[in-house]
Amino acid sequence: MKTLTHVAGLLIATAIPAVAQDVPVLTVYTYDSFVTDWGPGPAIEAAFEEVCACDLQFSGNGDGAALLARLQLEGPRSDADVMLGIDTNLIVAARETGVFADHGLSVDLDLPVAWDDPMFVPYDYGYFAFVGNAGDATPANFEELAASDLKIVIQDPRSSTPGLGLLMWVEAAYGERSGEIWEGLADNIVTVTPGWSEAYGLFLDGEADLVLSYTTSESYHLIAEDDATKQTLVFDEGHAMQIEVAAKIATTDQPELADEFLAFMLTSGFQDVIPTTNWMFPAVTPEGGLPDGFADPNAIGQALYLTPDAAAAARDEAIAGWRAALSQ
């Protein structure tokens, strides 16, 4: 009897790994804040695994620009099946890597702009803004900010999509005067961080008066923390729009599962999670609308949007001008 029990135990022990190995793994490279406990990753992982019969694994890779840099470095050797987390300012650079494949989806979106890109699927959007403490000074534009004594923390445009978004914001608002604006802002900048999480943490720790973030950041404090001490600065030049996208890796060994995930991104199981975890506007508005107290996407005045081609054409010169201004 002891022998039979021992044999049965061995059979069960050997069967369990075999079953586990039969479950396909989908690896999604994304940015760090997406996979935190308070980010959308855990809820999306649970929702997708309910319908995919798979093991969804998110891998955080810094901020959006750093994420693309890793995929460029890994090339066809990458373990990723899907990339989630760059934005329209990096689409041209991403397409040029040859790493990504067309999605083949017919998408119906609620974006403020038309979308027909065959390779990149939007999952949310937002507007960049400076966030500060209620009661503090509220400059009405970049020129007033540069003339103030307010200290700001921003993100590096070479590693961070918000950081690059700020450059494109100044570029869209001021064009040839962008260098002049950066020269004026140079003495306001306390530090430049690799990504959004580090910058926002410094602001919350009191290291700066303002942080580059989003118009929806105030919604986070109000809804998640019942905290009304933060305020969004609305600039009269308008606010730059960010559209975040995902794409399938061309060399994935799970192409059908990757396609299934991209399609799932536009369903309620993904989109309903976005407002109160990623604190952005969903690409497909939930059936019940946005949560009570959530930011109004139309409250920013003029929306500034550079197409992917326009952003790519401006990027190198904008970064060079930014570096020159900050090094003086």
Protein backbone atom coordinates (compact mmCIF):
# COMPACT_ATOMS: atom_id res chain seq x y z
CA MET A 1 0.00 0.00 0.00
CA LYS A 2 2.84 2.33 0.85
CA THR A 3 4.47 1.51 -2.49
CA LEU A 4 1.27 2.21 -4.45
CA THR A 5 0.85 5.53 -2.66
CA HIS A 6 4.44 6.44 -3.42
CA VAL A 7 4.00 5.59 -7.10
CA ALA A 8 0.77 7.57 -7.29
CA GLY A 9 2.50 10.54 -5.73
CA LEU A 10 5.28 10.36 -8.31
CA LEU A 11 2.74 10.25 -11.14
CA ILE A 12 0.95 13.32 -9.80
CA ALA A 13 4.21 15.17 -9.26
CA THR A 14 5.36 14.52 -12.81
CA ALA A 15 1.96 15.37 -14.30
CA ILE A 16 1.71 18.82 -12.73
CA PRO A 17 4.73 20.33 -14.56
CA ALA A 18 3.52 18.79 -17.81
CA VAL A 19 0.15 20.50 -17.47
CA ALA A 20 1.82 23.79 -16.50
CA GLN A 21 4.03 23.62 -19.57
CA ASP A 22 0.95 23.33 -21.77
CA VAL A 23 -0.26 26.79 -20.71
CA PRO A 24 1.04 29.32 -23.27
CA VAL A 25 2.82 32.39 -21.89
CA LEU A 26 2.23 35.85 -23.36
CA THR A 27 4.98 38.31 -22.44
CA VAL A 28 4.07 41.99 -22.62
CA TYR A 29 6.81 44.60 -22.26
CA THR A 30 5.45 47.81 -20.73
CA TYR A 31 6.50 50.72 -18.51
CA ASP A 32 7.08 50.43 -14.78
CA SER A 33 3.99 52.22 -13.47
CA PHE A 34 1.70 49.95 -15.51
CA VAL A 35 2.74 46.89 -13.50
CA THR A 36 2.61 48.36 -9.99
CA ASP A 37 0.02 47.16 -7.49
CA TRP A 38 -1.89 50.41 -8.02
CA GLY A 39 -1.50 50.35 -11.80
CA PRO A 40 -3.73 48.62 -14.37
CA GLY A 41 -1.49 45.57 -14.84
CA PRO A 42 -2.84 43.27 -12.10
CA ALA A 43 -6.52 43.80 -12.98
CA ILE A 44 -5.88 43.42 -16.72
CA GLU A 45 -3.81 40.29 -16.15
CA ALA A 46 -6.64 38.68 -14.19
CA ALA A 47 -9.30 39.71 -16.73
CA PHE A 48 -7.37 38.49 -19.77
CA GLU A 49 -6.38 35.19 -18.18
CA GLU A 50 -10.07 34.46 -17.63
CA VAL A 51 -10.63 34.37 -21.39
CA CYS A 52 -7.29 33.39 -22.92
CA ALA A 53 -6.35 30.08 -21.21
CA CYS A 54 -2.84 31.50 -20.94
CA ASP A 55 -0.34 33.00 -18.55
CA LEU A 56 -0.08 36.76 -19.13
CA GLN A 57 3.20 38.15 -17.85
CA PHE A 58 3.93 41.89 -17.79
CA SER A 59 7.54 43.06 -17.75
CA GLY A 60 8.26 46.62 -16.58
CA ASN A 61 11.05 48.38 -18.47
CA GLY A 62 11.43 51.91 -17.14
CA ASP A 63 9.47 54.55 -19.02
CA GLY A 64 8.16 54.46 -22.59
CA ALA A 65 11.29 55.61 -24.41
CA ALA A 66 13.43 53.20 -22.36
CA LEU A 67 10.98 50.44 -23.29
CA LEU A 68 11.50 51.09 -27.00
CA ALA A 69 15.27 51.28 -26.51
CA ARG A 70 15.26 47.80 -24.95
CA LEU A 71 13.32 46.36 -27.88
CA GLN A 72 15.70 48.04 -30.31
CA LEU A 73 18.62 46.45 -28.49
CA GLU A 74 17.08 42.97 -28.31
CA GLY A 75 15.72 42.97 -31.86
CA PRO A 76 14.51 39.56 -33.08
CA ARG A 77 16.00 37.90 -29.96
CA SER A 78 13.43 39.60 -27.70
CA ASP A 79 11.28 37.45 -25.43
CA ALA A 80 8.44 39.96 -25.81
CA ASP A 81 5.26 39.10 -27.67
CA VAL A 82 3.60 42.50 -27.30
CA MET A 83 4.87 45.99 -26.57
CA LEU A 84 2.52 48.30 -24.63
CA GLY A 85 3.47 51.82 -23.67
CA ILE A 86 5.06 54.05 -26.28
CA ASP A 87 3.15 57.01 -27.67
CA THR A 88 2.64 58.81 -30.94
CA ASN A 89 5.85 60.80 -30.55
CA LEU A 90 7.81 57.53 -30.87
CA ILE A 91 5.75 55.69 -33.49
CA VAL A 92 7.99 56.57 -36.43
CA ALA A 93 11.13 55.49 -34.55
CA ALA A 94 9.36 52.29 -33.48
CA ARG A 95 8.25 51.48 -37.02
CA GLU A 96 11.79 51.98 -38.31
CA THR A 97 13.16 49.27 -36.00
CA GLY A 98 11.38 46.55 -37.98
CA VAL A 99 10.50 44.89 -34.65
CA PHE A 100 6.71 45.20 -34.97
CA ALA A 101 4.01 43.57 -37.10
CA ASP A 102 0.65 44.83 -38.39
CA HIS A 103 -2.30 44.13 -36.11
CA GLY A 104 -4.98 43.39 -38.73
CA LEU A 105 -7.73 44.77 -36.49
CA SER A 106 -10.68 46.93 -37.43
CA VAL A 107 -10.68 49.47 -34.58
CA ASP A 108 -13.54 51.69 -33.46
CA LEU A 109 -12.16 54.32 -31.09
CA ASP A 110 -13.29 57.39 -29.16
CA LEU A 111 -10.11 59.39 -29.69
CA PRO A 112 -10.16 63.15 -30.35
CA VAL A 113 -8.28 62.51 -33.62
CA ALA A 114 -8.79 60.06 -36.48
CA TRP A 115 -6.78 56.84 -36.29
CA ASP A 116 -5.90 54.39 -39.07
CA ASP A 117 -2.42 53.10 -38.22
CA PRO A 118 -2.06 49.46 -39.33
CA MET A 119 0.63 48.60 -36.77
CA PHE A 120 -0.10 50.45 -33.51
CA VAL A 121 -3.30 50.12 -31.46
CA PRO A 122 -4.22 52.97 -29.07
CA TYR A 123 -5.45 52.02 -25.61
CA ASP A 124 -5.65 55.40 -23.85
CA TYR A 125 -4.89 59.09 -24.20
CA GLY A 126 -4.34 62.14 -22.04
CA TYR A 127 -3.06 65.70 -21.91
CA PHE A 128 0.21 66.79 -20.36
CA ALA A 129 -0.01 69.39 -17.61
CA PHE A 130 1.91 70.69 -14.65
CA VAL A 131 0.47 69.63 -11.32
CA GLY A 132 1.02 71.65 -8.16
CA ASN A 133 -0.36 72.29 -4.70
CA ALA A 134 -3.68 74.06 -4.29
CA GLY A 135 -3.26 77.68 -3.24
CA ASP A 136 0.14 78.12 -4.88
CA ALA A 137 0.75 80.44 -7.82
CA THR A 138 -0.82 79.39 -11.13
CA PRO A 139 1.11 80.75 -14.12
CA ALA A 140 -1.10 80.80 -17.22
CA ASN A 141 1.55 79.74 -19.74
CA PHE A 142 5.18 78.70 -20.17
CA GLU A 143 6.40 82.30 -20.30
CA GLU A 144 4.79 83.13 -16.95
CA LEU A 145 6.20 79.90 -15.50
CA ALA A 146 9.69 80.82 -16.68
CA ALA A 147 9.35 84.28 -15.11
CA SER A 148 8.25 82.82 -11.76
CA ASP A 149 10.25 81.44 -8.85
CA LEU A 150 8.40 78.10 -8.98
CA LYS A 151 10.59 75.02 -8.95
CA ILE A 152 9.68 72.20 -11.30
CA VAL A 153 10.73 68.62 -11.86
CA ILE A 154 10.49 67.13 -15.34
CA GLN A 155 11.41 63.90 -17.11
CA ASP A 156 14.24 63.19 -19.54
CA PRO A 157 12.94 63.17 -23.15
CA ARG A 158 15.53 60.56 -24.10
CA SER A 159 14.11 57.95 -21.71
CA SER A 160 10.60 59.14 -20.89
CA THR A 161 7.51 59.62 -23.03
CA PRO A 162 6.20 62.45 -20.77
CA GLY A 163 9.62 64.09 -21.03
CA LEU A 164 9.51 63.91 -24.82
CA GLY A 165 5.87 65.01 -24.71
CA LEU A 166 6.90 68.19 -22.87
CA LEU A 167 9.38 69.01 -25.63
CA MET A 168 6.72 68.45 -28.27
CA TRP A 169 4.30 70.59 -26.23
CA VAL A 170 6.71 73.53 -26.22
CA GLU A 171 7.47 72.90 -29.89
CA ALA A 172 3.78 72.88 -30.86
CA ALA A 173 3.05 76.01 -28.83
CA TYR A 174 6.12 78.13 -29.66
CA GLY A 175 7.84 76.69 -32.74
CA GLU A 176 11.00 78.68 -33.48
CA ARG A 177 10.82 80.29 -30.02
CA SER A 178 11.16 76.91 -28.26
CA GLY A 179 14.84 77.45 -27.45
CA GLU A 180 14.02 80.81 -25.85
CA ILE A 181 11.35 79.16 -23.69
CA TRP A 182 13.78 76.49 -22.49
CA GLU A 183 16.41 79.08 -21.65
CA GLY A 184 13.82 80.82 -19.50
CA LEU A 185 12.77 77.57 -17.80
CA ALA A 186 16.30 76.34 -17.10
CA ASP A 187 16.59 77.97 -13.66
CA ASN A 188 13.14 76.67 -12.64
CA ILE A 189 14.13 73.03 -13.14
CA VAL A 190 15.22 71.31 -9.92
CA THR A 191 16.11 68.04 -11.59
CA VAL A 192 15.39 65.85 -14.60
CA THR A 193 14.39 62.25 -13.83
CA PRO A 194 14.54 59.15 -16.04
CA GLY A 195 10.78 58.57 -15.82
CA TRP A 196 7.41 59.78 -14.57
CA SER A 197 7.34 57.76 -11.32
CA GLU A 198 10.57 59.27 -10.01
CA ALA A 199 9.49 62.80 -10.88
CA TYR A 200 6.07 62.51 -9.28
CA GLY A 201 7.58 60.99 -6.16
CA LEU A 202 9.92 63.97 -5.77
CA PHE A 203 6.98 66.36 -6.10
CA LEU A 204 4.97 64.48 -3.47
CA ASP A 205 8.03 64.59 -1.18
CA GLY A 206 8.04 68.39 -1.43
CA GLU A 207 11.18 68.65 -3.54
CA ALA A 208 9.46 70.83 -6.17
CA ASP A 209 6.44 73.12 -6.53
CA LEU A 210 5.30 71.57 -9.81
CA VAL A 211 5.75 68.30 -11.68
CA LEU A 212 5.11 67.47 -15.31
CA SER A 213 2.23 65.02 -15.33
CA TYR A 214 -1.31 64.91 -16.74
CA THR A 215 -4.61 66.76 -16.40
CA THR A 216 -5.99 63.54 -14.88
CA SER A 217 -3.47 63.44 -12.01
CA GLU A 218 -5.70 65.69 -9.93
CA SER A 219 -8.49 63.11 -10.43
CA TYR A 220 -6.27 60.46 -8.86
CA HIS A 221 -5.80 62.47 -5.69
CA LEU A 222 -9.50 63.33 -5.46
CA ILE A 223 -10.91 59.87 -6.22
CA ALA A 224 -8.29 57.49 -4.84
CA GLU A 225 -7.11 59.52 -1.87
CA ASP A 226 -9.96 61.98 -1.16
CA ASP A 227 -7.24 64.62 -1.36
CA ALA A 228 -8.18 68.05 -2.73
CA THR A 229 -4.78 69.65 -2.12
CA LYS A 230 -3.48 69.22 -5.70
CA GLN A 231 -4.28 71.40 -8.68
CA THR A 232 -3.79 71.24 -12.45
CA LEU A 233 -2.36 74.28 -14.19
CA VAL A 234 -4.33 75.10 -17.34
CA PHE A 235 -2.15 76.94 -19.88
CA ASP A 236 -3.65 79.35 -22.40
CA GLU A 237 -1.39 78.02 -25.20
CA GLY A 238 -3.22 74.70 -24.91
CA HIS A 239 -2.01 71.27 -23.82
CA ALA A 240 -0.23 68.57 -25.77
CA MET A 241 -2.12 65.33 -26.32
CA GLN A 242 -0.52 61.94 -25.68
CA ILE A 243 -1.91 58.78 -27.25
CA GLU A 244 -0.43 55.55 -25.86
CA VAL A 245 -0.25 52.52 -28.11
CA ALA A 246 0.58 48.82 -28.20
CA ALA A 247 1.84 46.56 -30.97
CA LYS A 248 2.65 42.93 -31.72
CA ILE A 249 6.29 41.85 -31.91
CA ALA A 250 7.00 40.46 -35.39
CA THR A 251 9.03 37.53 -34.08
CA THR A 252 6.57 36.44 -31.37
CA ASP A 253 6.11 32.69 -30.96
CA GLN A 254 2.53 33.40 -29.81
CA PRO A 255 1.10 35.39 -32.76
CA GLU A 256 -2.53 34.34 -32.26
CA LEU A 257 -2.39 35.05 -28.55
CA ALA A 258 -0.77 38.43 -29.21
CA ASP A 259 -3.59 39.26 -31.64
CA GLU A 260 -6.12 38.17 -29.03
CA PHE A 261 -4.56 40.50 -26.47
CA LEU A 262 -4.56 43.50 -28.83
CA ALA A 263 -8.25 42.90 -29.55
CA PHE A 264 -8.94 42.49 -25.81
CA MET A 265 -7.37 45.90 -25.17
CA LEU A 266 -10.38 47.56 -26.81
CA THR A 267 -12.96 45.67 -24.74
CA SER A 268 -14.49 46.61 -21.40
CA GLY A 269 -12.23 44.14 -19.55
CA PHE A 270 -9.30 46.44 -20.36
CA GLN A 271 -10.81 49.86 -21.07
CA ASP A 272 -12.96 50.06 -17.93
CA VAL A 273 -9.81 49.61 -15.82
CA ILE A 274 -7.86 52.49 -17.40
CA PRO A 275 -9.45 55.61 -15.84
CA THR A 276 -8.89 54.73 -12.18
CA THR A 277 -5.66 52.73 -12.47
CA ASN A 278 -3.66 54.31 -15.31
CA TRP A 279 -5.46 57.63 -14.74
CA MET A 280 -5.85 58.36 -18.43
CA PHE A 281 -8.84 58.68 -20.76
CA PRO A 282 -9.72 55.28 -22.26
CA ALA A 283 -9.51 54.89 -26.05
CA VAL A 284 -13.02 53.40 -25.92
CA THR A 285 -15.35 55.18 -23.51
CA PRO A 286 -16.88 52.74 -20.96
CA GLU A 287 -20.59 52.10 -21.35
CA GLY A 288 -21.28 53.86 -18.06
CA GLY A 289 -19.05 56.81 -18.94
CA LEU A 290 -16.12 58.12 -16.93
CA PRO A 291 -16.18 57.84 -13.11
CA ASP A 292 -17.82 60.60 -11.08
CA GLY A 293 -15.34 63.37 -10.40
CA PHE A 294 -13.01 62.35 -13.22
CA ALA A 295 -11.31 65.05 -15.28
CA ASP A 296 -13.15 66.50 -18.27
CA PRO A 297 -11.18 65.79 -21.46
CA ASN A 298 -12.49 69.06 -22.91
CA ALA A 299 -11.37 71.26 -20.02
CA ILE A 300 -7.91 72.00 -21.39
CA GLY A 301 -8.88 74.60 -23.98
CA GLN A 302 -6.87 74.02 -27.13
CA ALA A 303 -5.56 70.49 -27.75
CA LEU A 304 -2.10 70.49 -29.30
CA TYR A 305 -1.29 67.41 -31.33
CA LEU A 306 1.75 66.65 -33.46
CA THR A 307 1.24 63.75 -35.85
CA PRO A 308 3.79 60.93 -35.56
CA ASP A 309 5.60 62.21 -38.67
CA ALA A 310 5.68 65.81 -37.40
CA ALA A 311 6.94 64.68 -34.00
CA ALA A 312 9.67 62.55 -35.58
CA ALA A 313 10.80 65.47 -37.74
CA ALA A 314 11.02 67.80 -34.71
CA ARG A 315 12.43 65.36 -32.16
CA ASP A 316 16.23 65.48 -32.65
CA GLU A 317 16.42 69.27 -32.99
CA ALA A 318 14.10 69.74 -30.01
CA ILE A 319 16.24 67.49 -27.80
CA ALA A 320 19.41 69.26 -28.93
CA GLY A 321 17.90 72.67 -28.12
CA TRP A 322 16.68 71.42 -24.75
CA ARG A 323 20.12 70.06 -23.82
CA ALA A 324 21.85 73.26 -24.93
CA ALA A 325 19.50 75.44 -22.87
CA LEU A 326 19.88 73.34 -19.72
CA SER A 327 23.68 73.18 -19.98
CA GLN A 328 24.17 76.95 -19.96
